């Protein structure tokens, strides 16, 4: 069983950071015990009739048999593909380490309880959080410029984060069997988007008399971590899940739930009334991160489609 390193794919520095982490982990465990997406799916050279779907299938296949997942999560907009992978692992009882060098913390109100990530569900699902938020001190300045010294402080900070993450990975507990959730018939968990109009949250868009619609509680709770765990249990115990994927990328909570649904076979749909297509060389156009697009059972374009899917 391998360790899966989840990371944002779309910039060289993100891929380089993940590669450094995978390299240091492989030095301890052996290369055959570490899986690095993009690198190990040979994304630039892969040829397939529907390349995006094939990449999804390769990553999903590996997710089904991993020892642990280590995810690099930075900033106020966590990558939706990474969040999908975190949700998939967590739903299966696989230990999850979240690595961040973000120096910000997050809260719903100025004085509210803080979390390490913008959605408390990420904090709640983590087995371990490795956080190195401050620039590293350097004992040997470069002597060339203050900019070179600043770059060196960042490089050392990243190195310290990687070392701490590898140490945490080697101390992880064994995977547990995922909890069997008793699903409530005719119950739908509806996850709104923080980017949607506040007066039209997704639960209020659903109008189906025969279905009970339940929304999240964590965003207004006094104890957001406890509420996040309850939201997770409620979602996985529902008959189906619908998420609002509105935004520059699928919101973290929605992506986490999509991953969980993919792992457990729970029907899930994404409400996406308006989207931006992404394009990559030799890959079909994707309406979202391909891990999102191919994980859901349906992409819904209107309120009427949402109601029809829920009622069906």
C-alpha atoms as a PDB file:
ATOM      1  CA  UNK A   1       0.000   0.000   0.000  1.00  0.00           C
ATOM      2  CA  UNK A   2       1.295   3.430  -0.936  1.00  0.00           C
ATOM      3  CA  UNK A   3       1.292   6.963   0.398  1.00  0.00           C
ATOM      4  CA  UNK A   4      -0.613   9.292  -1.926  1.00  0.00           C
ATOM      5  CA  UNK A   5       0.728  12.867  -2.209  1.00  0.00           C
ATOM      6  CA  UNK A   6      -2.131  15.168  -3.235  1.00  0.00           C
ATOM      7  CA  UNK A   7      -1.256  18.619  -4.560  1.00  0.00           C
ATOM      8  CA  UNK A   8      -2.355  21.406  -6.862  1.00  0.00           C
ATOM      9  CA  UNK A   9      -1.166  20.520 -10.365  1.00  0.00           C
ATOM     10  CA  UNK A  10      -1.390  23.743 -12.289  1.00  0.00           C
ATOM     11  CA  UNK A  11       1.848  25.602 -11.551  1.00  0.00           C
ATOM     12  CA  UNK A  12       5.471  24.450 -11.602  1.00  0.00           C
ATOM     13  CA  UNK A  13       6.188  25.553  -8.028  1.00  0.00           C
ATOM     14  CA  UNK A  14       3.261  23.484  -6.697  1.00  0.00           C
ATOM     15  CA  UNK A  15       4.430  20.409  -8.577  1.00  0.00           C
ATOM     16  CA  UNK A  16       8.002  20.995  -7.421  1.00  0.00           C
ATOM     17  CA  UNK A  17       6.966  21.203  -3.759  1.00  0.00           C
ATOM     18  CA  UNK A  18       4.970  17.979  -4.016  1.00  0.00           C
ATOM     19  CA  UNK A  19       7.865  16.271  -5.809  1.00  0.00           C
ATOM     20  CA  UNK A  20      10.266  17.278  -3.018  1.00  0.00           C
ATOM     21  CA  UNK A  21       7.863  15.868  -0.450  1.00  0.00           C
ATOM     22  CA  UNK A  22       7.417  12.623  -2.404  1.00  0.00           C
ATOM     23  CA  UNK A  23      11.199  12.316  -2.829  1.00  0.00           C
ATOM     24  CA  UNK A  24      11.897  12.654   0.902  1.00  0.00           C
ATOM     25  CA  UNK A  25       9.108  10.228   1.745  1.00  0.00           C
ATOM     26  CA  UNK A  26      10.410   7.727  -0.824  1.00  0.00           C
ATOM     27  CA  UNK A  27      13.884   7.878   0.727  1.00  0.00           C
ATOM     28  CA  UNK A  28      12.330   6.480   3.910  1.00  0.00           C
ATOM     29  CA  UNK A  29       9.870   4.030   2.373  1.00  0.00           C
ATOM     30  CA  UNK A  30      11.068   3.246  -1.157  1.00  0.00           C
ATOM     31  CA  UNK A  31       9.753   4.712  -4.397  1.00  0.00           C
ATOM     32  CA  UNK A  32       7.217   1.929  -4.908  1.00  0.00           C
ATOM     33  CA  UNK A  33       5.417   3.055  -1.750  1.00  0.00           C
ATOM     34  CA  UNK A  34       4.783   6.645  -2.853  1.00  0.00           C
ATOM     35  CA  UNK A  35       2.332   7.831  -5.515  1.00  0.00           C
ATOM     36  CA  UNK A  36       2.592  11.318  -7.011  1.00  0.00           C
ATOM     37  CA  UNK A  37      -0.223  12.362  -9.400  1.00  0.00           C
ATOM     38  CA  UNK A  38       0.809  13.958 -12.706  1.00  0.00           C
ATOM     39  CA  UNK A  39       4.267  12.425 -12.314  1.00  0.00           C
ATOM     40  CA  UNK A  40       3.117   8.816 -11.924  1.00  0.00           C
ATOM     41  CA  UNK A  41       0.217   9.124 -14.361  1.00  0.00           C
ATOM     42  CA  UNK A  42       2.677  10.593 -16.899  1.00  0.00           C
ATOM     43  CA  UNK A  43       0.171  13.334 -17.641  1.00  0.00           C
ATOM     44  CA  UNK A  44       2.119  15.232 -20.305  1.00  0.00           C
ATOM     45  CA  UNK A  45       2.834  12.079 -22.339  1.00  0.00           C
ATOM     46  CA  UNK A  46      -0.322  10.060 -21.664  1.00  0.00           C
ATOM     47  CA  UNK A  47      -2.414   9.295 -24.736  1.00  0.00           C
ATOM     48  CA  UNK A  48      -6.044   8.247 -24.280  1.00  0.00           C
ATOM     49  CA  UNK A  49      -9.314   8.638 -26.166  1.00  0.00           C
ATOM     50  CA  UNK A  50     -10.710  10.744 -23.313  1.00  0.00           C
ATOM     51  CA  UNK A  51      -7.588  11.801 -21.468  1.00  0.00           C
ATOM     52  CA  UNK A  52      -9.181  13.632 -18.543  1.00  0.00           C
ATOM     53  CA  UNK A  53     -11.414  10.691 -17.690  1.00  0.00           C
ATOM     54  CA  UNK A  54      -8.466   8.302 -17.948  1.00  0.00           C
ATOM     55  CA  UNK A  55      -6.419  10.458 -15.551  1.00  0.00           C
ATOM     56  CA  UNK A  56      -9.357  10.436 -13.131  1.00  0.00           C
ATOM     57  CA  UNK A  57      -9.596   6.657 -13.355  1.00  0.00           C
ATOM     58  CA  UNK A  58      -5.871   6.210 -12.685  1.00  0.00           C
ATOM     59  CA  UNK A  59      -5.952   8.468  -9.622  1.00  0.00           C
ATOM     60  CA  UNK A  60      -9.185   6.928  -8.305  1.00  0.00           C
ATOM     61  CA  UNK A  61      -7.769   3.439  -8.703  1.00  0.00           C
ATOM     62  CA  UNK A  62      -4.778   4.389  -6.554  1.00  0.00           C
ATOM     63  CA  UNK A  63      -6.970   6.144  -3.965  1.00  0.00           C
ATOM     64  CA  UNK A  64      -8.787   2.866  -3.359  1.00  0.00           C
ATOM     65  CA  UNK A  65      -5.677   1.134  -1.999  1.00  0.00           C
ATOM     66  CA  UNK A  66      -3.546   3.649  -0.117  1.00  0.00           C
ATOM     67  CA  UNK A  67      -1.954   3.526   3.331  1.00  0.00           C
ATOM     68  CA  UNK A  68      -2.309   7.271   3.887  1.00  0.00           C
ATOM     69  CA  UNK A  69      -2.905  10.520   2.038  1.00  0.00           C
ATOM     70  CA  UNK A  70      -0.671  13.579   2.414  1.00  0.00           C
ATOM     71  CA  UNK A  71      -2.190  16.749   0.971  1.00  0.00           C
ATOM     72  CA  UNK A  72      -0.565  20.119   0.378  1.00  0.00           C
ATOM     73  CA  UNK A  73      -3.230  22.730   1.180  1.00  0.00           C
ATOM     74  CA  UNK A  74      -2.416  26.436   1.017  1.00  0.00           C
ATOM     75  CA  UNK A  75      -4.344  29.674   1.085  1.00  0.00           C
ATOM     76  CA  UNK A  76      -7.967  30.776   1.250  1.00  0.00           C
ATOM     77  CA  UNK A  77      -8.979  28.802  -1.861  1.00  0.00           C
ATOM     78  CA  UNK A  78      -7.877  25.161  -1.435  1.00  0.00           C
ATOM     79  CA  UNK A  79      -7.593  23.207  -4.661  1.00  0.00           C
ATOM     80  CA  UNK A  80     -10.832  21.381  -5.409  1.00  0.00           C
ATOM     81  CA  UNK A  81      -9.140  18.287  -6.834  1.00  0.00           C
ATOM     82  CA  UNK A  82      -7.045  17.952  -3.686  1.00  0.00           C
ATOM     83  CA  UNK A  83     -10.146  18.387  -1.520  1.00  0.00           C
ATOM     84  CA  UNK A  84     -11.913  15.666  -3.482  1.00  0.00           C
ATOM     85  CA  UNK A  85      -8.972  13.331  -2.765  1.00  0.00           C
ATOM     86  CA  UNK A  86      -9.032  14.246   0.948  1.00  0.00           C
ATOM     87  CA  UNK A  87     -12.760  13.508   1.144  1.00  0.00           C
ATOM     88  CA  UNK A  88     -12.276  10.180  -0.640  1.00  0.00           C
ATOM     89  CA  UNK A  89      -9.563   9.091   1.790  1.00  0.00           C
ATOM     90  CA  UNK A  90     -11.369  10.293   4.927  1.00  0.00           C
ATOM     91  CA  UNK A  91     -14.594   8.518   3.981  1.00  0.00           C
ATOM     92  CA  UNK A  92     -12.672   5.252   3.691  1.00  0.00           C
ATOM     93  CA  UNK A  93     -10.961   5.630   7.073  1.00  0.00           C
ATOM     94  CA  UNK A  94      -7.556   6.374   5.538  1.00  0.00           C
ATOM     95  CA  UNK A  95      -5.310   8.665   7.659  1.00  0.00           C
ATOM     96  CA  UNK A  96      -4.940  12.171   6.216  1.00  0.00           C
ATOM     97  CA  UNK A  97      -2.057  14.589   6.806  1.00  0.00           C
ATOM     98  CA  UNK A  98      -2.582  18.191   5.734  1.00  0.00           C
ATOM     99  CA  UNK A  99       0.593  20.193   5.079  1.00  0.00           C
ATOM    100  CA  UNK A 100       0.397  23.985   5.018  1.00  0.00           C
ATOM    101  CA  UNK A 101       2.786  26.924   5.200  1.00  0.00           C
ATOM    102  CA  UNK A 102      -0.112  29.404   5.191  1.00  0.00           C
ATOM    103  CA  UNK A 103       0.442  32.056   7.874  1.00  0.00           C
ATOM    104  CA  UNK A 104      -3.255  32.987   7.999  1.00  0.00           C
ATOM    105  CA  UNK A 105      -5.962  31.447  10.145  1.00  0.00           C
ATOM    106  CA  UNK A 106      -9.681  31.706   9.454  1.00  0.00           C
ATOM    107  CA  UNK A 107     -12.923  32.446  11.305  1.00  0.00           C
ATOM    108  CA  UNK A 108     -16.530  33.242  10.447  1.00  0.00           C
ATOM    109  CA  UNK A 109     -16.521  36.398  12.587  1.00  0.00           C
ATOM    110  CA  UNK A 110     -13.725  38.749  13.736  1.00  0.00           C
ATOM    111  CA  UNK A 111     -13.693  37.240  17.228  1.00  0.00           C
ATOM    112  CA  UNK A 112     -14.947  33.780  16.358  1.00  0.00           C
ATOM    113  CA  UNK A 113     -13.048  30.530  16.915  1.00  0.00           C
ATOM    114  CA  UNK A 114     -10.240  30.118  14.405  1.00  0.00           C
ATOM    115  CA  UNK A 115      -9.392  27.206  12.169  1.00  0.00           C
ATOM    116  CA  UNK A 116      -6.282  26.473  10.139  1.00  0.00           C
ATOM    117  CA  UNK A 117      -8.289  26.252   6.911  1.00  0.00           C
ATOM    118  CA  UNK A 118     -11.123  28.387   5.503  1.00  0.00           C
ATOM    119  CA  UNK A 119     -13.600  25.515   5.774  1.00  0.00           C
ATOM    120  CA  UNK A 120     -13.543  23.871   9.230  1.00  0.00           C
ATOM    121  CA  UNK A 121     -14.420  20.567   7.600  1.00  0.00           C
ATOM    122  CA  UNK A 122     -10.794  20.349   6.439  1.00  0.00           C
ATOM    123  CA  UNK A 123      -9.570  20.732  10.028  1.00  0.00           C
ATOM    124  CA  UNK A 124     -12.100  18.162  11.217  1.00  0.00           C
ATOM    125  CA  UNK A 125     -11.102  15.479   8.686  1.00  0.00           C
ATOM    126  CA  UNK A 126      -7.349  15.745   9.231  1.00  0.00           C
ATOM    127  CA  UNK A 127      -5.590  13.033  11.192  1.00  0.00           C
ATOM    128  CA  UNK A 128      -2.629  15.388  11.530  1.00  0.00           C
ATOM    129  CA  UNK A 129      -2.037  18.993  10.490  1.00  0.00           C
ATOM    130  CA  UNK A 130       1.572  19.954   9.808  1.00  0.00           C
ATOM    131  CA  UNK A 131       1.773  23.731   9.791  1.00  0.00           C
ATOM    132  CA  UNK A 132       4.956  25.792   9.464  1.00  0.00           C
ATOM    133  CA  UNK A 133       3.633  29.335   9.001  1.00  0.00           C
ATOM    134  CA  UNK A 134       6.739  31.420   9.652  1.00  0.00           C
ATOM    135  CA  UNK A 135       9.778  32.171   7.532  1.00  0.00           C
ATOM    136  CA  UNK A 136      12.819  30.208   8.628  1.00  0.00           C
ATOM    137  CA  UNK A 137      15.809  31.848  10.263  1.00  0.00           C
ATOM    138  CA  UNK A 138      19.058  31.458   8.340  1.00  0.00           C
ATOM    139  CA  UNK A 139      22.475  31.358   9.954  1.00  0.00           C
ATOM    140  CA  UNK A 140      24.406  31.963   6.736  1.00  0.00           C
ATOM    141  CA  UNK A 141      23.026  34.871   4.652  1.00  0.00           C
ATOM    142  CA  UNK A 142      23.824  34.618   0.962  1.00  0.00           C
ATOM    143  CA  UNK A 143      25.699  37.916   0.935  1.00  0.00           C
ATOM    144  CA  UNK A 144      24.330  38.752  -2.508  1.00  0.00           C
ATOM    145  CA  UNK A 145      21.078  40.655  -1.854  1.00  0.00           C
ATOM    146  CA  UNK A 146      18.171  40.870   0.564  1.00  0.00           C
ATOM    147  CA  UNK A 147      16.028  39.204  -2.082  1.00  0.00           C
ATOM    148  CA  UNK A 148      18.297  36.172  -2.240  1.00  0.00           C
ATOM    149  CA  UNK A 149      18.203  35.968   1.548  1.00  0.00           C
ATOM    150  CA  UNK A 150      14.412  36.190   1.513  1.00  0.00           C
ATOM    151  CA  UNK A 151      14.235  33.376  -1.068  1.00  0.00           C
ATOM    152  CA  UNK A 152      16.549  31.281   1.118  1.00  0.00           C
ATOM    153  CA  UNK A 153      14.333  31.796   4.172  1.00  0.00           C
ATOM    154  CA  UNK A 154      11.364  30.514   2.179  1.00  0.00           C
ATOM    155  CA  UNK A 155      13.325  27.544   0.876  1.00  0.00           C
ATOM    156  CA  UNK A 156      14.391  26.547   4.375  1.00  0.00           C
ATOM    157  CA  UNK A 157      10.803  26.973   5.603  1.00  0.00           C
ATOM    158  CA  UNK A 158       9.598  24.576   2.905  1.00  0.00           C
ATOM    159  CA  UNK A 159      12.334  22.096   3.777  1.00  0.00           C
ATOM    160  CA  UNK A 160      11.351  22.187   7.444  1.00  0.00           C
ATOM    161  CA  UNK A 161       7.720  21.630   6.494  1.00  0.00           C
ATOM    162  CA  UNK A 162       8.621  18.623   4.357  1.00  0.00           C
ATOM    163  CA  UNK A 163      10.743  17.060   7.086  1.00  0.00           C
ATOM    164  CA  UNK A 164       7.999  17.534   9.670  1.00  0.00           C
ATOM    165  CA  UNK A 165       5.452  16.046   7.272  1.00  0.00           C
ATOM    166  CA  UNK A 166       7.570  12.960   6.567  1.00  0.00           C
ATOM    167  CA  UNK A 167       8.077  12.419  10.304  1.00  0.00           C
ATOM    168  CA  UNK A 168       4.313  12.692  10.839  1.00  0.00           C
ATOM    169  CA  UNK A 169       3.629  10.226   8.010  1.00  0.00           C
ATOM    170  CA  UNK A 170       5.916   7.614   9.545  1.00  0.00           C
ATOM    171  CA  UNK A 171       4.023   7.874  12.845  1.00  0.00           C
ATOM    172  CA  UNK A 172       0.516   7.558  11.434  1.00  0.00           C
ATOM    173  CA  UNK A 173      -1.876   4.940  12.790  1.00  0.00           C
ATOM    174  CA  UNK A 174      -2.985   2.161  10.486  1.00  0.00           C
ATOM    175  CA  UNK A 175      -6.058   2.821   8.337  1.00  0.00           C
ATOM    176  CA  UNK A 176      -9.348   1.992  10.015  1.00  0.00           C
ATOM    177  CA  UNK A 177     -12.438   0.528   8.489  1.00  0.00           C
ATOM    178  CA  UNK A 178     -14.756   3.268   7.366  1.00  0.00           C
ATOM    179  CA  UNK A 179     -17.825   3.715   9.520  1.00  0.00           C
ATOM    180  CA  UNK A 180     -20.987   2.260   8.049  1.00  0.00           C
ATOM    181  CA  UNK A 181     -23.568   5.042   7.929  1.00  0.00           C
ATOM    182  CA  UNK A 182     -27.255   4.193   8.179  1.00  0.00           C
ATOM    183  CA  UNK A 183     -28.755   6.192   5.358  1.00  0.00           C
ATOM    184  CA  UNK A 184     -31.996   8.041   5.852  1.00  0.00           C
ATOM    185  CA  UNK A 185     -34.385   7.460   2.950  1.00  0.00           C
ATOM    186  CA  UNK A 186     -35.670  10.564   1.150  1.00  0.00           C
ATOM    187  CA  UNK A 187     -33.105  12.753   2.871  1.00  0.00           C
ATOM    188  CA  UNK A 188     -30.827  15.018   0.848  1.00  0.00           C
ATOM    189  CA  UNK A 189     -27.812  16.857   2.198  1.00  0.00           C
ATOM    190  CA  UNK A 190     -27.445  20.178   0.339  1.00  0.00           C
ATOM    191  CA  UNK A 191     -24.097  21.986   0.574  1.00  0.00           C
ATOM    192  CA  UNK A 192     -24.275  25.680  -0.418  1.00  0.00           C
ATOM    193  CA  UNK A 193     -21.450  27.677  -1.990  1.00  0.00           C
ATOM    194  CA  UNK A 194     -19.855  30.602  -0.141  1.00  0.00           C
ATOM    195  CA  UNK A 195     -19.634  32.307  -3.545  1.00  0.00           C
ATOM    196  CA  UNK A 196     -23.374  32.139  -4.286  1.00  0.00           C
ATOM    197  CA  UNK A 197     -25.810  34.930  -3.443  1.00  0.00           C
ATOM    198  CA  UNK A 198     -26.510  34.789   0.284  1.00  0.00           C
ATOM    199  CA  UNK A 199     -30.250  35.164  -0.239  1.00  0.00           C
ATOM    200  CA  UNK A 200     -30.341  32.067  -2.437  1.00  0.00           C
ATOM    201  CA  UNK A 201     -28.468  29.275  -0.619  1.00  0.00           C
ATOM    202  CA  UNK A 202     -28.802  25.887  -2.225  1.00  0.00           C
ATOM    203  CA  UNK A 203     -31.055  24.311   0.460  1.00  0.00           C
ATOM    204  CA  UNK A 204     -33.638  27.023  -0.227  1.00  0.00           C
ATOM    205  CA  UNK A 205     -33.579  26.314  -3.961  1.00  0.00           C
ATOM    206  CA  UNK A 206     -34.725  22.742  -3.484  1.00  0.00           C
ATOM    207  CA  UNK A 207     -38.470  22.308  -3.630  1.00  0.00           C
ATOM    208  CA  UNK A 208     -39.509  18.661  -3.441  1.00  0.00           C
ATOM    209  CA  UNK A 209     -42.353  17.772  -1.017  1.00  0.00           C
ATOM    210  CA  UNK A 210     -41.360  14.123  -0.660  1.00  0.00           C
ATOM    211  CA  UNK A 211     -37.741  14.886   0.322  1.00  0.00           C
ATOM    212  CA  UNK A 212     -36.228  16.226   3.544  1.00  0.00           C
ATOM    213  CA  UNK A 213     -33.418  18.663   2.749  1.00  0.00           C
ATOM    214  CA  UNK A 214     -30.674  19.215   5.342  1.00  0.00           C
ATOM    215  CA  UNK A 215     -27.973  21.874   5.114  1.00  0.00           C
ATOM    216  CA  UNK A 216     -24.689  22.429   6.992  1.00  0.00           C
ATOM    217  CA  UNK A 217     -24.416  23.961  10.462  1.00  0.00           C
ATOM    218  CA  UNK A 218     -20.662  24.540  10.772  1.00  0.00           C
ATOM    219  CA  UNK A 219     -20.501  28.028   9.261  1.00  0.00           C
ATOM    220  CA  UNK A 220     -22.547  29.624  12.033  1.00  0.00           C
ATOM    221  CA  UNK A 221     -21.746  27.293  14.930  1.00  0.00           C
ATOM    222  CA  UNK A 222     -20.001  28.393  18.113  1.00  0.00           C
ATOM    223  CA  UNK A 223     -17.879  25.228  17.869  1.00  0.00           C
ATOM    224  CA  UNK A 224     -17.201  24.878  14.134  1.00  0.00           C
ATOM    225  CA  UNK A 225     -15.092  21.703  14.418  1.00  0.00           C
ATOM    226  CA  UNK A 226     -17.780  19.768  16.283  1.00  0.00           C
ATOM    227  CA  UNK A 227     -20.379  21.072  13.849  1.00  0.00           C
ATOM    228  CA  UNK A 228     -18.167  20.104  10.894  1.00  0.00           C
ATOM    229  CA  UNK A 229     -17.943  16.524  12.141  1.00  0.00           C
ATOM    230  CA  UNK A 230     -21.711  16.470  12.501  1.00  0.00           C
ATOM    231  CA  UNK A 231     -22.168  17.867   8.980  1.00  0.00           C
ATOM    232  CA  UNK A 232     -19.890  15.105   7.679  1.00  0.00           C
ATOM    233  CA  UNK A 233     -21.882  12.382   9.450  1.00  0.00           C
ATOM    234  CA  UNK A 234     -25.179  13.901   8.310  1.00  0.00           C
ATOM    235  CA  UNK A 235     -24.045  14.093   4.703  1.00  0.00           C
ATOM    236  CA  UNK A 236     -22.759  10.514   4.612  1.00  0.00           C
ATOM    237  CA  UNK A 237     -25.952   9.331   6.295  1.00  0.00           C
ATOM    238  CA  UNK A 238     -28.207  10.981   3.739  1.00  0.00           C
ATOM    239  CA  UNK A 239     -29.871   9.336   0.769  1.00  0.00           C
ATOM    240  CA  UNK A 240     -27.970  11.568  -1.646  1.00  0.00           C
ATOM    241  CA  UNK A 241     -25.853  14.723  -1.743  1.00  0.00           C
ATOM    242  CA  UNK A 242     -26.178  17.827  -3.881  1.00  0.00           C
ATOM    243  CA  UNK A 243     -23.567  20.590  -3.751  1.00  0.00           C
ATOM    244  CA  UNK A 244     -23.434  24.082  -5.161  1.00  0.00           C
ATOM    245  CA  UNK A 245     -20.174  24.217  -7.137  1.00  0.00           C
ATOM    246  CA  UNK A 246     -20.496  27.937  -7.900  1.00  0.00           C
ATOM    247  CA  UNK A 247     -17.235  29.864  -7.698  1.00  0.00           C
ATOM    248  CA  UNK A 248     -13.790  30.144  -9.282  1.00  0.00           C
ATOM    249  CA  UNK A 249     -13.351  26.486  -8.357  1.00  0.00           C
ATOM    250  CA  UNK A 250     -15.521  24.027  -6.461  1.00  0.00           C
ATOM    251  CA  UNK A 251     -15.700  25.183  -2.815  1.00  0.00           C
ATOM    252  CA  UNK A 252     -13.709  23.034  -0.356  1.00  0.00           C
ATOM    253  CA  UNK A 253     -16.689  21.564   1.491  1.00  0.00           C
ATOM    254  CA  UNK A 254     -18.428  20.627  -1.736  1.00  0.00           C
ATOM    255  CA  UNK A 255     -15.275  18.980  -3.091  1.00  0.00           C
ATOM    256  CA  UNK A 256     -14.698  17.058   0.155  1.00  0.00           C
ATOM    257  CA  UNK A 257     -18.250  15.702   0.028  1.00  0.00           C
ATOM    258  CA  UNK A 258     -17.927  14.786  -3.647  1.00  0.00           C
ATOM    259  CA  UNK A 259     -14.821  12.757  -2.784  1.00  0.00           C
ATOM    260  CA  UNK A 260     -16.643  11.017   0.047  1.00  0.00           C
ATOM    261  CA  UNK A 261     -19.556  10.181  -2.238  1.00  0.00           C
ATOM    262  CA  UNK A 262     -17.180   8.800  -4.867  1.00  0.00           C
ATOM    263  CA  UNK A 263     -15.532   6.581  -2.238  1.00  0.00           C
ATOM    264  CA  UNK A 264     -18.758   5.240  -0.735  1.00  0.00           C
ATOM    265  CA  UNK A 265     -21.069   5.025  -3.743  1.00  0.00           C
ATOM    266  CA  UNK A 266     -23.394   7.697  -2.373  1.00  0.00           C
ATOM    267  CA  UNK A 267     -25.225   9.460  -5.247  1.00  0.00           C
ATOM    268  CA  UNK A 268     -23.948  13.030  -5.650  1.00  0.00           C
ATOM    269  CA  UNK A 269     -24.652  15.892  -8.024  1.00  0.00           C
ATOM    270  CA  UNK A 270     -23.094  19.325  -8.510  1.00  0.00           C
ATOM    271  CA  UNK A 271     -25.258  22.381  -9.175  1.00  0.00           C
ATOM    272  CA  UNK A 272     -23.312  24.487 -11.652  1.00  0.00           C
ATOM    273  CA  UNK A 273     -25.508  27.070 -13.376  1.00  0.00           C
ATOM    274  CA  UNK A 274     -22.485  28.841 -14.803  1.00  0.00           C
ATOM    275  CA  UNK A 275     -18.978  27.538 -15.298  1.00  0.00           C
ATOM    276  CA  UNK A 276     -15.632  28.199 -16.873  1.00  0.00           C
ATOM    277  CA  UNK A 277     -14.195  25.424 -18.985  1.00  0.00           C
ATOM    278  CA  UNK A 278     -10.577  24.410 -18.473  1.00  0.00           C
ATOM    279  CA  UNK A 279      -8.370  23.243 -21.321  1.00  0.00           C
ATOM    280  CA  UNK A 280      -5.106  21.337 -21.389  1.00  0.00           C
ATOM    281  CA  UNK A 281      -3.074  19.861 -24.227  1.00  0.00           C
ATOM    282  CA  UNK A 282      -4.757  16.756 -25.688  1.00  0.00           C
ATOM    283  CA  UNK A 283      -7.366  16.732 -22.896  1.00  0.00           C
ATOM    284  CA  UNK A 284     -11.106  17.205 -23.434  1.00  0.00           C
ATOM    285  CA  UNK A 285     -12.613  20.439 -22.057  1.00  0.00           C
ATOM    286  CA  UNK A 286     -13.538  20.094 -18.393  1.00  0.00           C
ATOM    287  CA  UNK A 287     -16.267  22.076 -16.637  1.00  0.00           C
ATOM    288  CA  UNK A 288     -14.386  21.762 -13.366  1.00  0.00           C
ATOM    289  CA  UNK A 289     -11.298  20.039 -12.075  1.00  0.00           C
ATOM    290  CA  UNK A 290     -11.514  16.621 -13.726  1.00  0.00           C
ATOM    291  CA  UNK A 291     -11.564  14.934 -10.298  1.00  0.00           C
ATOM    292  CA  UNK A 292     -14.801  16.820  -9.650  1.00  0.00           C
ATOM    293  CA  UNK A 293     -16.357  16.427 -13.077  1.00  0.00           C
ATOM    294  CA  UNK A 294     -15.978  12.651 -13.180  1.00  0.00           C
ATOM    295  CA  UNK A 295     -16.752  11.966  -9.505  1.00  0.00           C
ATOM    296  CA  UNK A 296     -20.331  13.231  -9.578  1.00  0.00           C
ATOM    297  CA  UNK A 297     -23.335  11.448 -11.020  1.00  0.00           C
ATOM    298  CA  UNK A 298     -24.704  14.639 -12.567  1.00  0.00           C
ATOM    299  CA  UNK A 299     -23.814  18.251 -13.339  1.00  0.00           C
ATOM    300  CA  UNK A 300     -27.009  20.287 -12.959  1.00  0.00           C
ATOM    301  CA  UNK A 301     -27.549  23.622 -14.694  1.00  0.00           C
ATOM    302  CA  UNK A 302     -30.783  24.935 -13.159  1.00  0.00           C
ATOM    303  CA  UNK A 303     -32.995  24.865 -10.079  1.00  0.00           C
ATOM    304  CA  UNK A 304     -35.457  22.708 -12.012  1.00  0.00           C
ATOM    305  CA  UNK A 305     -32.746  20.152 -12.762  1.00  0.00           C
ATOM    306  CA  UNK A 306     -31.751  20.107  -9.073  1.00  0.00           C
ATOM    307  CA  UNK A 307     -35.329  19.405  -7.988  1.00  0.00           C
ATOM    308  CA  UNK A 308     -35.787  16.744 -10.660  1.00  0.00           C
ATOM    309  CA  UNK A 309     -32.568  14.971  -9.692  1.00  0.00           C
ATOM    310  CA  UNK A 310     -33.426  15.041  -5.982  1.00  0.00           C
ATOM    311  CA  UNK A 311     -36.946  13.778  -6.611  1.00  0.00           C
ATOM    312  CA  UNK A 312     -35.742  11.062  -8.937  1.00  0.00           C
END
